[in-house]
Amino acid sequence: MDVLISGLHALGLRSWQLQIASLSSVGLCIVLWIRAKTFDEAERGNAERRALFAGLWPPTLWGIGQSLEVHEQRTRGAKLLRSRR
């Protein structure tokens, strides 16, 4: 897992970006759910499934963001220790 998080960090992904994406996907889920209510009965089930699928993203994105935040704190701490020597 540490290799994946280090790779994401090396690609330029930061924890705050994933946390914003997580919160945005909550909003997307709510919008899709409300919009599903405007469809007729034949299409409503598919629209609700789409909203539920989008609702699975926030915990995943938030968890990856938290892992990146821990990685950022570790690397910040390691740089601080190196600079004091």
PDB file of N, CA and C in Angstrom:
ATOM      1  N   MET A   1       0.822  -1.192   0.000  1.00  0.00           N
ATOM      2  CA  MET A   1       0.000   0.000   0.000  1.00  0.00           C
ATOM      3  C   MET A   1       0.865   1.255   0.000  1.00  0.00           C
ATOM      4  N   ASP A   2       1.972   1.198   0.706  1.00  0.00           N
ATOM      5  CA  ASP A   2       2.858   2.351   0.782  1.00  0.00           C
ATOM      6  C   ASP A   2       3.440   2.699  -0.586  1.00  0.00           C
ATOM      7  N   VAL A   3       3.675   1.689  -1.410  1.00  0.00           N
ATOM      8  CA  VAL A   3       4.209   1.927  -2.756  1.00  0.00           C
ATOM      9  C   VAL A   3       3.171   2.663  -3.599  1.00  0.00           C
ATOM     10  N   LEU A   4       1.918   2.269  -3.483  1.00  0.00           N
ATOM     11  CA  LEU A   4       0.844   2.924  -4.231  1.00  0.00           C
ATOM     12  C   LEU A   4       0.701   4.380  -3.810  1.00  0.00           C
ATOM     13  N   ILE A   5       0.686   4.636  -2.517  1.00  0.00           N
ATOM     14  CA  ILE A   5       0.533   5.996  -2.002  1.00  0.00           C
ATOM     15  C   ILE A   5       1.736   6.850  -2.397  1.00  0.00           C
ATOM     16  N   SER A   6       2.936   6.287  -2.304  1.00  0.00           N
ATOM     17  CA  SER A   6       4.140   7.024  -2.717  1.00  0.00           C
ATOM     18  C   SER A   6       4.091   7.353  -4.202  1.00  0.00           C
ATOM     19  N   GLY A   7       3.598   6.410  -4.987  1.00  0.00           N
ATOM     20  CA  GLY A   7       3.470   6.644  -6.430  1.00  0.00           C
ATOM     21  C   GLY A   7       2.463   7.735  -6.746  1.00  0.00           C
ATOM     22  N   LEU A   8       1.319   7.722  -6.054  1.00  0.00           N
ATOM     23  CA  LEU A   8       0.318   8.774  -6.262  1.00  0.00           C
ATOM     24  C   LEU A   8       0.875  10.138  -5.869  1.00  0.00           C
ATOM     25  N   HIS A   9       1.639  10.165  -4.779  1.00  0.00           N
ATOM     26  CA  HIS A   9       2.249  11.419  -4.333  1.00  0.00           C
ATOM     27  C   HIS A   9       3.282  11.894  -5.344  1.00  0.00           C
ATOM     28  N   ALA A  10       4.056  10.967  -5.884  1.00  0.00           N
ATOM     29  CA  ALA A  10       5.066  11.318  -6.885  1.00  0.00           C
ATOM     30  C   ALA A  10       4.424  11.852  -8.167  1.00  0.00           C
ATOM     31  N   LEU A  11       3.209  11.401  -8.461  1.00  0.00           N
ATOM     32  CA  LEU A  11       2.491  11.893  -9.637  1.00  0.00           C
ATOM     33  C   LEU A  11       1.906  13.288  -9.423  1.00  0.00           C
ATOM     34  N   GLY A  12       1.979  13.775  -8.186  1.00  0.00           N
ATOM     35  CA  GLY A  12       1.497  15.121  -7.901  1.00  0.00           C
ATOM     36  C   GLY A  12       0.140  15.171  -7.225  1.00  0.00           C
ATOM     37  N   LEU A  13      -0.416  14.026  -6.885  1.00  0.00           N
ATOM     38  CA  LEU A  13      -1.706  13.985  -6.211  1.00  0.00           C
ATOM     39  C   LEU A  13      -1.511  14.310  -4.739  1.00  0.00           C
ATOM     40  N   ARG A  14      -2.340  15.193  -4.203  1.00  0.00           N
ATOM     41  CA  ARG A  14      -2.243  15.596  -2.803  1.00  0.00           C
ATOM     42  C   ARG A  14      -3.516  15.237  -2.063  1.00  0.00           C
ATOM     43  N   SER A  15      -3.417  15.153  -0.743  1.00  0.00           N
ATOM     44  CA  SER A  15      -4.545  14.706   0.079  1.00  0.00           C
ATOM     45  C   SER A  15      -5.737  15.641  -0.048  1.00  0.00           C
ATOM     46  N   TRP A  16      -5.506  16.949  -0.090  1.00  0.00           N
ATOM     47  CA  TRP A  16      -6.615  17.894  -0.164  1.00  0.00           C
ATOM     48  C   TRP A  16      -7.403  17.718  -1.463  1.00  0.00           C
ATOM     49  N   GLN A  17      -6.734  17.314  -2.527  1.00  0.00           N
ATOM     50  CA  GLN A  17      -7.429  17.109  -3.799  1.00  0.00           C
ATOM     51  C   GLN A  17      -8.408  15.940  -3.704  1.00  0.00           C
ATOM     52  N   LEU A  18      -7.981  14.875  -3.060  1.00  0.00           N
ATOM     53  CA  LEU A  18      -8.859  13.717  -2.902  1.00  0.00           C
ATOM     54  C   LEU A  18      -9.986  13.994  -1.916  1.00  0.00           C
ATOM     55  N   GLN A  19      -9.725  14.788  -0.905  1.00  0.00           N
ATOM     56  CA  GLN A  19     -10.784  15.123   0.037  1.00  0.00           C
ATOM     57  C   GLN A  19     -11.848  15.998  -0.625  1.00  0.00           C
ATOM     58  N   ILE A  20     -11.430  16.919  -1.485  1.00  0.00           N
ATOM     59  CA  ILE A  20     -12.395  17.729  -2.238  1.00  0.00           C
ATOM     60  C   ILE A  20     -13.177  16.845  -3.211  1.00  0.00           C
ATOM     61  N   ALA A  21     -12.491  15.913  -3.857  1.00  0.00           N
ATOM     62  CA  ALA A  21     -13.176  14.988  -4.767  1.00  0.00           C
ATOM     63  C   ALA A  21     -14.196  14.141  -4.011  1.00  0.00           C
ATOM     64  N   SER A  22     -13.858  13.738  -2.796  1.00  0.00           N
ATOM     65  CA  SER A  22     -14.770  12.950  -1.977  1.00  0.00           C
ATOM     66  C   SER A  22     -16.028  13.743  -1.645  1.00  0.00           C
ATOM     67  N   LEU A  23     -15.849  14.967  -1.193  1.00  0.00           N
ATOM     68  CA  LEU A  23     -17.001  15.811  -0.866  1.00  0.00           C
ATOM     69  C   LEU A  23     -17.824  16.139  -2.110  1.00  0.00           C
ATOM     70  N   SER A  24     -17.150  16.332  -3.236  1.00  0.00           N
ATOM     71  CA  SER A  24     -17.861  16.606  -4.486  1.00  0.00           C
ATOM     72  C   SER A  24     -18.690  15.403  -4.926  1.00  0.00           C
ATOM     73  N   SER A  25     -18.171  14.213  -4.696  1.00  0.00           N
ATOM     74  CA  SER A  25     -18.923  13.028  -5.102  1.00  0.00           C
ATOM     75  C   SER A  25     -20.149  12.807  -4.216  1.00  0.00           C
ATOM     76  N   VAL A  26     -20.109  13.295  -2.985  1.00  0.00           N
ATOM     77  CA  VAL A  26     -21.312  13.272  -2.154  1.00  0.00           C
ATOM     78  C   VAL A  26     -22.377  14.160  -2.795  1.00  0.00           C
ATOM     79  N   GLY A  27     -21.960  15.352  -3.210  1.00  0.00           N
ATOM     80  CA  GLY A  27     -22.882  16.257  -3.904  1.00  0.00           C
ATOM     81  C   GLY A  27     -23.408  15.652  -5.193  1.00  0.00           C
ATOM     82  N   LEU A  28     -22.548  14.994  -5.944  1.00  0.00           N
ATOM     83  CA  LEU A  28     -22.974  14.340  -7.181  1.00  0.00           C
ATOM     84  C   LEU A  28     -24.010  13.271  -6.899  1.00  0.00           C
ATOM     85  N   CYS A  29     -23.797  12.497  -5.856  1.00  0.00           N
ATOM     86  CA  CYS A  29     -24.739  11.442  -5.483  1.00  0.00           C
ATOM     87  C   CYS A  29     -26.108  12.042  -5.156  1.00  0.00           C
ATOM     88  N   ILE A  30     -26.109  13.118  -4.401  1.00  0.00           N
ATOM     89  CA  ILE A  30     -27.375  13.763  -4.034  1.00  0.00           C
ATOM     90  C   ILE A  30     -28.081  14.306  -5.266  1.00  0.00           C
ATOM     91  N   VAL A  31     -27.327  14.953  -6.151  1.00  0.00           N
ATOM     92  CA  VAL A  31     -27.922  15.485  -7.384  1.00  0.00           C
ATOM     93  C   VAL A  31     -28.489  14.358  -8.238  1.00  0.00           C
ATOM     94  N   LEU A  32     -27.750  13.270  -8.385  1.00  0.00           N
ATOM     95  CA  LEU A  32     -28.243  12.141  -9.175  1.00  0.00           C
ATOM     96  C   LEU A  32     -29.484  11.510  -8.546  1.00  0.00           C
ATOM     97  N   TRP A  33     -29.509  11.444  -7.226  1.00  0.00           N
ATOM     98  CA  TRP A  33     -30.658  10.860  -6.534  1.00  0.00           C
ATOM     99  C   TRP A  33     -31.906  11.727  -6.733  1.00  0.00           C
ATOM    100  N   ILE A  34     -31.751  13.046  -6.588  1.00  0.00           N
ATOM    101  CA  ILE A  34     -32.885  13.949  -6.799  1.00  0.00           C
ATOM    102  C   ILE A  34     -33.340  13.899  -8.247  1.00  0.00           C
ATOM    103  N   ARG A  35     -32.387  13.867  -9.144  1.00  0.00           N
ATOM    104  CA  ARG A  35     -32.716  13.808 -10.578  1.00  0.00           C
ATOM    105  C   ARG A  35     -33.424  12.503 -10.929  1.00  0.00           C
ATOM    106  N   ALA A  36     -33.100  11.416 -10.226  1.00  0.00           N
ATOM    107  CA  ALA A  36     -33.737  10.118 -10.490  1.00  0.00           C
ATOM    108  C   ALA A  36     -35.228  10.187 -10.240  1.00  0.00           C
ATOM    109  N   LYS A  37     -35.628  11.052  -9.329  1.00  0.00           N
ATOM    110  CA  LYS A  37     -37.058  11.181  -9.019  1.00  0.00           C
ATOM    111  C   LYS A  37     -37.846  11.810 -10.163  1.00  0.00           C
ATOM    112  N   THR A  38     -37.148  12.441 -11.107  1.00  0.00           N
ATOM    113  CA  THR A  38     -37.840  13.074 -12.235  1.00  0.00           C
ATOM    114  C   THR A  38     -38.083  12.109 -13.393  1.00  0.00           C
ATOM    115  N   PHE A  39     -37.463  10.937 -13.360  1.00  0.00           N
ATOM    116  CA  PHE A  39     -37.644   9.960 -14.430  1.00  0.00           C
ATOM    117  C   PHE A  39     -38.923   9.168 -14.215  1.00  0.00           C
ATOM    118  N   ASP A  40     -39.426   8.603 -15.307  1.00  0.00           N
ATOM    119  CA  ASP A  40     -40.610   7.748 -15.170  1.00  0.00           C
ATOM    120  C   ASP A  40     -40.191   6.402 -14.568  1.00  0.00           C
ATOM    121  N   GLU A  41     -41.142   5.605 -14.210  1.00  0.00           N
ATOM    122  CA  GLU A  41     -40.894   4.344 -13.494  1.00  0.00           C
ATOM    123  C   GLU A  41     -39.961   3.402 -14.244  1.00  0.00           C
ATOM    124  N   ALA A  42     -40.032   3.396 -15.567  1.00  0.00           N
ATOM    125  CA  ALA A  42     -39.215   2.476 -16.365  1.00  0.00           C
ATOM    126  C   ALA A  42     -37.724   2.803 -16.257  1.00  0.00           C
ATOM    127  N   GLU A  43     -37.392   4.080 -16.150  1.00  0.00           N
ATOM    128  CA  GLU A  43     -35.988   4.492 -16.117  1.00  0.00           C
ATOM    129  C   GLU A  43     -35.498   4.831 -14.706  1.00  0.00           C
ATOM    130  N   ARG A  44     -36.397   4.925 -13.749  1.00  0.00           N
ATOM    131  CA  ARG A  44     -36.016   5.367 -12.401  1.00  0.00           C
ATOM    132  C   ARG A  44     -35.036   4.409 -11.726  1.00  0.00           C
ATOM    133  N   GLY A  45     -35.235   3.108 -11.888  1.00  0.00           N
ATOM    134  CA  GLY A  45     -34.343   2.139 -11.245  1.00  0.00           C
ATOM    135  C   GLY A  45     -32.903   2.300 -11.684  1.00  0.00           C
ATOM    136  N   ASN A  46     -32.694   2.504 -12.979  1.00  0.00           N
ATOM    137  CA  ASN A  46     -31.343   2.694 -13.500  1.00  0.00           C
ATOM    138  C   ASN A  46     -30.743   3.995 -12.980  1.00  0.00           C
ATOM    139  N   ALA A  47     -31.546   5.041 -12.918  1.00  0.00           N
ATOM    140  CA  ALA A  47     -31.050   6.328 -12.419  1.00  0.00           C
ATOM    141  C   ALA A  47     -30.693   6.235 -10.934  1.00  0.00           C
ATOM    142  N   GLU A  48     -31.490   5.514 -10.157  1.00  0.00           N
ATOM    143  CA  GLU A  48     -31.179   5.344  -8.731  1.00  0.00           C
ATOM    144  C   GLU A  48     -29.910   4.514  -8.542  1.00  0.00           C
ATOM    145  N   ARG A  49     -29.729   3.493  -9.371  1.00  0.00           N
ATOM    146  CA  ARG A  49     -28.500   2.691  -9.285  1.00  0.00           C
ATOM    147  C   ARG A  49     -27.270   3.543  -9.594  1.00  0.00           C
ATOM    148  N   ARG A  50     -27.414   4.462 -10.548  1.00  0.00           N
ATOM    149  CA  ARG A  50     -26.319   5.375 -10.873  1.00  0.00           C
ATOM    150  C   ARG A  50     -25.963   6.244  -9.656  1.00  0.00           C
ATOM    151  N   ALA A  51     -26.989   6.728  -8.970  1.00  0.00           N
ATOM    152  CA  ALA A  51     -26.752   7.547  -7.775  1.00  0.00           C
ATOM    153  C   ALA A  51     -26.085   6.726  -6.675  1.00  0.00           C
ATOM    154  N   LEU A  52     -26.534   5.500  -6.490  1.00  0.00           N
ATOM    155  CA  LEU A  52     -25.928   4.637  -5.474  1.00  0.00           C
ATOM    156  C   LEU A  52     -24.478   4.307  -5.821  1.00  0.00           C
ATOM    157  N   PHE A  53     -24.199   4.091  -7.108  1.00  0.00           N
ATOM    158  CA  PHE A  53     -22.833   3.811  -7.539  1.00  0.00           C
ATOM    159  C   PHE A  53     -21.930   5.003  -7.222  1.00  0.00           C
ATOM    160  N   ALA A  54     -22.408   6.212  -7.516  1.00  0.00           N
ATOM    161  CA  ALA A  54     -21.620   7.414  -7.206  1.00  0.00           C
ATOM    162  C   ALA A  54     -21.464   7.567  -5.695  1.00  0.00           C
ATOM    163  N   GLY A  55     -22.421   7.056  -4.932  1.00  0.00           N
ATOM    164  CA  GLY A  55     -22.345   7.131  -3.477  1.00  0.00           C
ATOM    165  C   GLY A  55     -21.287   6.220  -2.876  1.00  0.00           C
ATOM    166  N   LEU A  56     -20.762   5.296  -3.656  1.00  0.00           N
ATOM    167  CA  LEU A  56     -19.690   4.421  -3.170  1.00  0.00           C
ATOM    168  C   LEU A  56     -18.321   5.099  -3.235  1.00  0.00           C
ATOM    169  N   TRP A  57     -18.192   6.149  -4.001  1.00  0.00           N
ATOM    170  CA  TRP A  57     -16.903   6.795  -4.191  1.00  0.00           C
ATOM    171  C   TRP A  57     -16.380   7.562  -2.985  1.00  0.00           C
ATOM    172  N   PRO A  58     -17.220   8.317  -2.248  1.00  0.00           N
ATOM    173  CA  PRO A  58     -16.659   9.166  -1.187  1.00  0.00           C
ATOM    174  C   PRO A  58     -15.781   8.450  -0.162  1.00  0.00           C
ATOM    175  N   PRO A  59     -16.198   7.304   0.398  1.00  0.00           N
ATOM    176  CA  PRO A  59     -15.314   6.692   1.392  1.00  0.00           C
ATOM    177  C   PRO A  59     -13.990   6.217   0.801  1.00  0.00           C
ATOM    178  N   THR A  60     -14.027   5.765  -0.436  1.00  0.00           N
ATOM    179  CA  THR A  60     -12.796   5.319  -1.089  1.00  0.00           C
ATOM    180  C   THR A  60     -11.847   6.488  -1.312  1.00  0.00           C
ATOM    181  N   LEU A  61     -12.376   7.574  -1.872  1.00  0.00           N
ATOM    182  CA  LEU A  61     -11.544   8.744  -2.129  1.00  0.00           C
ATOM    183  C   LEU A  61     -11.026   9.352  -0.827  1.00  0.00           C
ATOM    184  N   TRP A  62     -11.883   9.402   0.196  1.00  0.00           N
ATOM    185  CA  TRP A  62     -11.463   9.966   1.476  1.00  0.00           C
ATOM    186  C   TRP A  62     -10.367   9.108   2.108  1.00  0.00           C
ATOM    187  N   GLY A  63     -10.507   7.791   2.023  1.00  0.00           N
ATOM    188  CA  GLY A  63      -9.500   6.894   2.583  1.00  0.00           C
ATOM    189  C   GLY A  63      -8.151   7.041   1.905  1.00  0.00           C
ATOM    190  N   ILE A  64      -8.162   7.151   0.594  1.00  0.00           N
ATOM    191  CA  ILE A  64      -6.902   7.360  -0.127  1.00  0.00           C
ATOM    192  C   ILE A  64      -6.320   8.722   0.244  1.00  0.00           C
ATOM    193  N   GLY A  65      -7.188   9.728   0.386  1.00  0.00           N
ATOM    194  CA  GLY A  65      -6.730  11.055   0.801  1.00  0.00           C
ATOM    195  C   GLY A  65      -6.100  11.036   2.179  1.00  0.00           C
ATOM    196  N   GLN A  66      -6.694  10.281   3.099  1.00  0.00           N
ATOM    197  CA  GLN A  66      -6.125  10.163   4.445  1.00  0.00           C
ATOM    198  C   GLN A  66      -4.759   9.483   4.401  1.00  0.00           C
ATOM    199  N   SER A  67      -4.635   8.452   3.578  1.00  0.00           N
ATOM    200  CA  SER A  67      -3.341   7.768   3.438  1.00  0.00           C
ATOM    201  C   SER A  67      -2.291   8.713   2.865  1.00  0.00           C
ATOM    202  N   LEU A  68      -2.701   9.530   1.900  1.00  0.00           N
ATOM    203  CA  LEU A  68      -1.769  10.515   1.343  1.00  0.00           C
ATOM    204  C   LEU A  68      -1.382  11.558   2.384  1.00  0.00           C
ATOM    205  N   GLU A  69      -2.335  11.938   3.228  1.00  0.00           N
ATOM    206  CA  GLU A  69      -2.031  12.918   4.269  1.00  0.00           C
ATOM    207  C   GLU A  69      -1.001  12.374   5.254  1.00  0.00           C
ATOM    208  N   VAL A  70      -1.141  11.118   5.635  1.00  0.00           N
ATOM    209  CA  VAL A  70      -0.154  10.484   6.522  1.00  0.00           C
ATOM    210  C   VAL A  70       1.212  10.445   5.831  1.00  0.00           C
ATOM    211  N   HIS A  71       1.217  10.102   4.553  1.00  0.00           N
ATOM    212  CA  HIS A  71       2.474  10.062   3.791  1.00  0.00           C
ATOM    213  C   HIS A  71       3.105  11.454   3.726  1.00  0.00           C
ATOM    214  N   GLU A  72       2.286  12.480   3.501  1.00  0.00           N
ATOM    215  CA  GLU A  72       2.800  13.847   3.440  1.00  0.00           C
ATOM    216  C   GLU A  72       3.396  14.262   4.779  1.00  0.00           C
ATOM    217  N   GLN A  73       2.744  13.898   5.883  1.00  0.00           N
ATOM    218  CA  GLN A  73       3.264  14.242   7.209  1.00  0.00           C
ATOM    219  C   GLN A  73       4.579  13.528   7.479  1.00  0.00           C
ATOM    220  N   ARG A  74       4.672  12.274   7.058  1.00  0.00           N
ATOM    221  CA  ARG A  74       5.925  11.526   7.248  1.00  0.00           C
ATOM    222  C   ARG A  74       7.065  12.153   6.455  1.00  0.00           C
ATOM    223  N   THR A  75       6.790  12.478   5.191  1.00  0.00           N
ATOM    224  CA  THR A  75       7.860  13.055   4.360  1.00  0.00           C
ATOM    225  C   THR A  75       8.239  14.446   4.856  1.00  0.00           C
ATOM    226  N   ARG A  76       7.257  15.216   5.342  1.00  0.00           N
ATOM    227  CA  ARG A  76       7.544  16.530   5.901  1.00  0.00           C
ATOM    228  C   ARG A  76       8.410  16.384   7.157  1.00  0.00           C
ATOM    229  N   GLY A  77       8.087  15.407   7.983  1.00  0.00           N
ATOM    230  CA  GLY A  77       8.871  15.162   9.199  1.00  0.00           C
ATOM    231  C   GLY A  77      10.279  14.701   8.883  1.00  0.00           C
ATOM    232  N   ALA A  78      10.422  13.854   7.880  1.00  0.00           N
ATOM    233  CA  ALA A  78      11.752  13.368   7.496  1.00  0.00           C
ATOM    234  C   ALA A  78      12.605  14.508   6.941  1.00  0.00           C
ATOM    235  N   LYS A  79      12.008  15.390   6.149  1.00  0.00           N
ATOM    236  CA  LYS A  79      12.754  16.544   5.615  1.00  0.00           C
ATOM    237  C   LYS A  79      13.174  17.483   6.730  1.00  0.00           C
ATOM    238  N   LEU A  80      12.301  17.648   7.720  1.00  0.00           N
ATOM    239  CA  LEU A  80      12.605  18.518   8.856  1.00  0.00           C
ATOM    240  C   LEU A  80      13.769  17.951   9.648  1.00  0.00           C
ATOM    241  N   LEU A  81      13.785  16.637   9.865  1.00  0.00           N
ATOM    242  CA  LEU A  81      14.893  16.016  10.598  1.00  0.00           C
ATOM    243  C   LEU A  81      16.202  16.139   9.828  1.00  0.00           C
ATOM    244  N   ARG A  82      16.149  15.958   8.518  1.00  0.00           N
ATOM    245  CA  ARG A  82      17.366  16.082   7.709  1.00  0.00           C
ATOM    246  C   ARG A  82      17.916  17.517   7.731  1.00  0.00           C
ATOM    247  N   SER A  83      17.023  18.504   7.748  1.00  0.00           N
ATOM    248  CA  SER A  83      17.473  19.899   7.721  1.00  0.00           C
ATOM    249  C   SER A  83      18.088  20.324   9.047  1.00  0.00           C
ATOM    250  N   ARG A  84      17.763  19.645  10.133  1.00  0.00           N
ATOM    251  CA  ARG A  84      18.317  19.990  11.456  1.00  0.00           C
ATOM    252  C   ARG A  84      19.713  19.424  11.658  1.00  0.00           C
ATOM    253  N   ARG A  85      20.087  18.479  10.839  1.00  0.00           N
ATOM    254  CA  ARG A  85      21.418  17.842  11.009  1.00  0.00           C
ATOM    255  C   ARG A  85      22.507  18.677  10.465  1.00  0.00           C
TER     256      ARG A  85
END
